[in-house]
C-alpha atoms as a PDB file:
ATOM      1  CA  VAL A   1     111.523  87.803 108.573  1.00  0.00           C
ATOM      2  CA  GLN A   2     111.849  88.211 104.584  1.00  0.00           C
ATOM      3  CA  LEU A   3     113.464  91.069 102.899  1.00  0.00           C
ATOM      4  CA  GLN A   4     112.834  91.338  99.091  1.00  0.00           C
ATOM      5  CA  ALA A   5     115.267  93.569  97.075  1.00  0.00           C
ATOM      6  CA  SER A   6     114.564  95.086  93.622  1.00  0.00           C
ATOM      7  CA  GLY A   7     115.471  98.204  91.478  1.00  0.00           C
ATOM      8  CA  GLY A   8     118.840  96.574  90.107  1.00  0.00           C
ATOM      9  CA  GLY A   9     119.203  96.742  86.365  1.00  0.00           C
ATOM     10  CA  LEU A  10     121.536  98.288  83.922  1.00  0.00           C
ATOM     11  CA  ALA A  11     122.706 101.896  84.189  1.00  0.00           C
ATOM     12  CA  GLN A  12     125.361 104.076  82.367  1.00  0.00           C
ATOM     13  CA  ALA A  13     128.161 105.565  84.130  1.00  0.00           C
ATOM     14  CA  GLY A  14     127.273 108.657  85.611  1.00  0.00           C
ATOM     15  CA  GLY A  15     123.417 107.593  86.037  1.00  0.00           C
ATOM     16  CA  SER A  16     121.240 106.689  88.887  1.00  0.00           C
ATOM     17  CA  LEU A  17     119.443 103.833  90.487  1.00  0.00           C
ATOM     18  CA  THR A  18     117.258 103.351  93.526  1.00  0.00           C
ATOM     19  CA  LEU A  19     117.230  99.872  95.201  1.00  0.00           C
ATOM     20  CA  SER A  20     114.283  99.237  97.469  1.00  0.00           C
ATOM     21  CA  CYS A  21     113.978  96.613  99.919  1.00  0.00           C
ATOM     22  CA  VAL A  22     110.541  95.382 101.371  1.00  0.00           C
ATOM     23  CA  VAL A  23     110.301  93.744 104.819  1.00  0.00           C
ATOM     24  CA  SER A  24     107.537  91.293 105.686  1.00  0.00           C
ATOM     25  CA  GLY A  25     107.147  89.232 108.921  1.00  0.00           C
ATOM     26  CA  ASP A  26     108.038  91.821 111.467  1.00  0.00           C
ATOM     27  CA  THR A  27     108.197  95.864 111.583  1.00  0.00           C
ATOM     28  CA  LEU A  28     111.032  97.566 110.130  1.00  0.00           C
ATOM     29  CA  GLU A  29     111.022 100.333 112.756  1.00  0.00           C
ATOM     30  CA  ARG A  30     112.756  98.126 115.338  1.00  0.00           C
ATOM     31  CA  TYR A  31     115.611  97.155 113.084  1.00  0.00           C
ATOM     32  CA  ARG A  32     119.131  98.767 112.198  1.00  0.00           C
ATOM     33  CA  ILE A  33     119.256  98.360 108.314  1.00  0.00           C
ATOM     34  CA  GLY A  34     122.094  97.816 105.907  1.00  0.00           C
ATOM     35  CA  TRP A  35     123.043  97.510 102.224  1.00  0.00           C
ATOM     36  CA  PHE A  36     125.937  95.178 101.229  1.00  0.00           C
ATOM     37  CA  ARG A  37     127.263  94.450  97.710  1.00  0.00           C
ATOM     38  CA  LEU A  38     129.478  91.490  96.255  1.00  0.00           C
ATOM     39  CA  ALA A  39     131.178  92.221  92.966  1.00  0.00           C
ATOM     40  CA  PRO A  40     132.911  89.741  90.789  1.00  0.00           C
ATOM     41  CA  GLY A  41     136.032  88.489  92.047  1.00  0.00           C
ATOM     42  CA  LYS A  42     135.891  90.435  94.999  1.00  0.00           C
ATOM     43  CA  GLU A  43     134.622  89.651  98.851  1.00  0.00           C
ATOM     44  CA  ARG A  44     131.117  90.900  99.895  1.00  0.00           C
ATOM     45  CA  GLU A  45     131.531  94.629 101.293  1.00  0.00           C
ATOM     46  CA  ALA A  46     129.471  96.783 103.437  1.00  0.00           C
ATOM     47  CA  VAL A  47     128.038  99.887 101.439  1.00  0.00           C
ATOM     48  CA  SER A  48     125.799 101.521 103.922  1.00  0.00           C
ATOM     49  CA  CYS A  49     124.183 101.280 107.383  1.00  0.00           C
ATOM     50  CA  ALA A  50     121.899 102.947 109.640  1.00  0.00           C
ATOM     51  CA  ALA A  51     120.662 102.833 113.139  1.00  0.00           C
ATOM     52  CA  ALA A  52     116.842 102.434 113.691  1.00  0.00           C
ATOM     53  CA  SER A  53     116.692 106.042 114.501  1.00  0.00           C
ATOM     54  CA  GLY A  54     118.127 106.843 111.078  1.00  0.00           C
ATOM     55  CA  TYR A  55     120.821 109.227 112.600  1.00  0.00           C
ATOM     56  CA  SER A  56     124.652 109.218 111.515  1.00  0.00           C
ATOM     57  CA  PRO A  57     124.349 106.511 108.912  1.00  0.00           C
ATOM     58  CA  TYR A  58     127.653 104.774 107.839  1.00  0.00           C
ATOM     59  CA  TYR A  59     128.960 104.873 104.185  1.00  0.00           C
ATOM     60  CA  ALA A  60     131.943 103.228 102.760  1.00  0.00           C
ATOM     61  CA  ASP A  61     134.402 105.898 101.405  1.00  0.00           C
ATOM     62  CA  SER A  62     133.747 104.218  97.897  1.00  0.00           C
ATOM     63  CA  VAL A  63     130.252 105.596  97.917  1.00  0.00           C
ATOM     64  CA  LYS A  64     130.419 108.663 100.494  1.00  0.00           C
ATOM     65  CA  GLY A  65     128.538 111.605  98.882  1.00  0.00           C
ATOM     66  CA  ARG A  66     127.017 109.593  95.797  1.00  0.00           C
ATOM     67  CA  PHE A  67     124.702 106.985  97.802  1.00  0.00           C
ATOM     68  CA  THR A  68     122.123 107.535 100.312  1.00  0.00           C
ATOM     69  CA  ILE A  69     120.411 105.040 102.492  1.00  0.00           C
ATOM     70  CA  SER A  70     116.801 105.911 103.599  1.00  0.00           C
ATOM     71  CA  ARG A  71     113.819 103.886 105.115  1.00  0.00           C
ATOM     72  CA  ASP A  72     110.085 104.411 105.464  1.00  0.00           C
ATOM     73  CA  ASN A  73     108.855 102.671 108.251  1.00  0.00           C
ATOM     74  CA  SER A  74     105.258 103.079 107.444  1.00  0.00           C
ATOM     75  CA  ARG A  75     106.114 100.931 104.007  1.00  0.00           C
ATOM     76  CA  ASP A  76     108.571  98.723 105.827  1.00  0.00           C
ATOM     77  CA  THR A  77     110.705  99.621 103.070  1.00  0.00           C
ATOM     78  CA  VAL A  78     114.356 100.223 103.052  1.00  0.00           C
ATOM     79  CA  TYR A  79     116.003 102.341 100.284  1.00  0.00           C
ATOM     80  CA  LEU A  80     119.387 102.774  98.579  1.00  0.00           C
ATOM     81  CA  GLN A  81     119.634 105.832  96.480  1.00  0.00           C
ATOM     82  CA  MET A  82     122.750 105.284  94.039  1.00  0.00           C
ATOM     83  CA  ASN A  83     123.878 108.485  91.831  1.00  0.00           C
ATOM     84  CA  ASN A  84     126.820 109.096  89.813  1.00  0.00           C
ATOM     85  CA  LEU A  85     127.129 105.475  89.447  1.00  0.00           C
ATOM     86  CA  THR A  86     130.670 103.823  88.052  1.00  0.00           C
ATOM     87  CA  ALA A  87     131.414 100.607  86.783  1.00  0.00           C
ATOM     88  CA  GLU A  88     133.065  99.705  90.099  1.00  0.00           C
ATOM     89  CA  ASP A  89     129.909  99.736  91.659  1.00  0.00           C
ATOM     90  CA  THR A  90     128.656  96.892  89.583  1.00  0.00           C
ATOM     91  CA  ALA A  91     127.641  93.999  91.990  1.00  0.00           C
ATOM     92  CA  VAL A  92     124.872  92.338  93.559  1.00  0.00           C
ATOM     93  CA  TYR A  93     123.482  94.244  96.247  1.00  0.00           C
ATOM     94  CA  TYR A  94     121.949  92.871  99.356  1.00  0.00           C
ATOM     95  CA  CYS A  95     119.774  94.405 101.913  1.00  0.00           C
ATOM     96  CA  ALA A  96     120.177  93.396 105.535  1.00  0.00           C
ATOM     97  CA  LEU A  97     118.696  94.079 109.138  1.00  0.00           C
ATOM     98  CA  ALA A  98     119.937  93.880 112.313  1.00  0.00           C
ATOM     99  CA  GLY A  99     117.676  93.217 115.583  1.00  0.00           C
ATOM    100  CA  SER A 100     118.212  94.578 119.058  1.00  0.00           C
ATOM    101  CA  ARG A 101     119.852  91.320 120.118  1.00  0.00           C
ATOM    102  CA  ILE A 102     122.769  92.359 118.071  1.00  0.00           C
ATOM    103  CA  TYR A 103     122.658  96.341 118.720  1.00  0.00           C
ATOM    104  CA  GLY A 104     121.244  96.311 122.028  1.00  0.00           C
ATOM    105  CA  GLY A 105     124.666  95.805 123.460  1.00  0.00           C
ATOM    106  CA  GLY A 106     125.992  98.902 122.155  1.00  0.00           C
ATOM    107  CA  ILE A 107     127.601  97.994 119.093  1.00  0.00           C
ATOM    108  CA  PRO A 108     128.330 100.773 116.866  1.00  0.00           C
ATOM    109  CA  VAL A 109     126.596 101.027 113.564  1.00  0.00           C
ATOM    110  CA  LYS A 110     130.045 101.267 111.600  1.00  0.00           C
ATOM    111  CA  SER A 111     131.421  98.098 113.482  1.00  0.00           C
ATOM    112  CA  MET A 112     128.281  96.198 112.998  1.00  0.00           C
ATOM    113  CA  CYS A 113     128.106  97.213 109.247  1.00  0.00           C
ATOM    114  CA  LEU A 114     131.838  96.418 108.432  1.00  0.00           C
ATOM    115  CA  ARG A 115     131.683  93.241 110.261  1.00  0.00           C
ATOM    116  CA  GLN A 116     128.276  92.672 108.521  1.00  0.00           C
ATOM    117  CA  ILE A 117     126.811  91.316 111.568  1.00  0.00           C
ATOM    118  CA  MET A 118     123.209  91.364 110.543  1.00  0.00           C
ATOM    119  CA  HIS A 119     120.265  89.208 111.434  1.00  0.00           C
ATOM    120  CA  TYR A 120     118.599  88.948 108.115  1.00  0.00           C
ATOM    121  CA  TRP A 121     119.562  89.108 104.648  1.00  0.00           C
ATOM    122  CA  GLY A 122     117.594  89.543 101.349  1.00  0.00           C
ATOM    123  CA  LYS A 123     118.549  87.573  98.284  1.00  0.00           C
ATOM    124  CA  GLY A 124     120.281  90.278  96.298  1.00  0.00           C
ATOM    125  CA  THR A 125     119.509  92.518  93.289  1.00  0.00           C
ATOM    126  CA  LEU A 126     121.922  92.915  90.289  1.00  0.00           C
ATOM    127  CA  VAL A 127     123.344  96.342  89.507  1.00  0.00           C
ATOM    128  CA  THR A 128     125.400  96.545  86.067  1.00  0.00           C
ATOM    129  CA  VAL A 129     126.954  99.907  85.173  1.00  0.00           C
ATOM    130  CA  SER A 130     128.533 100.268  81.737  1.00  0.00           C
ATOM    131  CA  SER A 131     131.275 102.528  81.405  1.00  0.00           C
END
């Protein structure tokens, strides 16, 4: 399974960007999805994750109300809509998938996300927000 993230770039504070992550090698619908980010000088952190059903996604407090995770199974694509960007959102963003071997045991989406227990990872796309 391969993940290709795109959509990063330079944005002004208060602006918006939409990240996309195209999945190949398997069907997206059977996977939980997630976005993570690595900012300069910081550890990688969970941004948002969602179940295969799409219900009750998890969002980090820092992005809640500004970011939206979504999926289009027909296109095998995961999205992260980012609004009202701030300089603190500057990071490399990674998409990731978790299969049933991970979530079949019943681990909650939030726990899976915070512990970053995912099967497959993309290479990342850089988001730079100028203040």
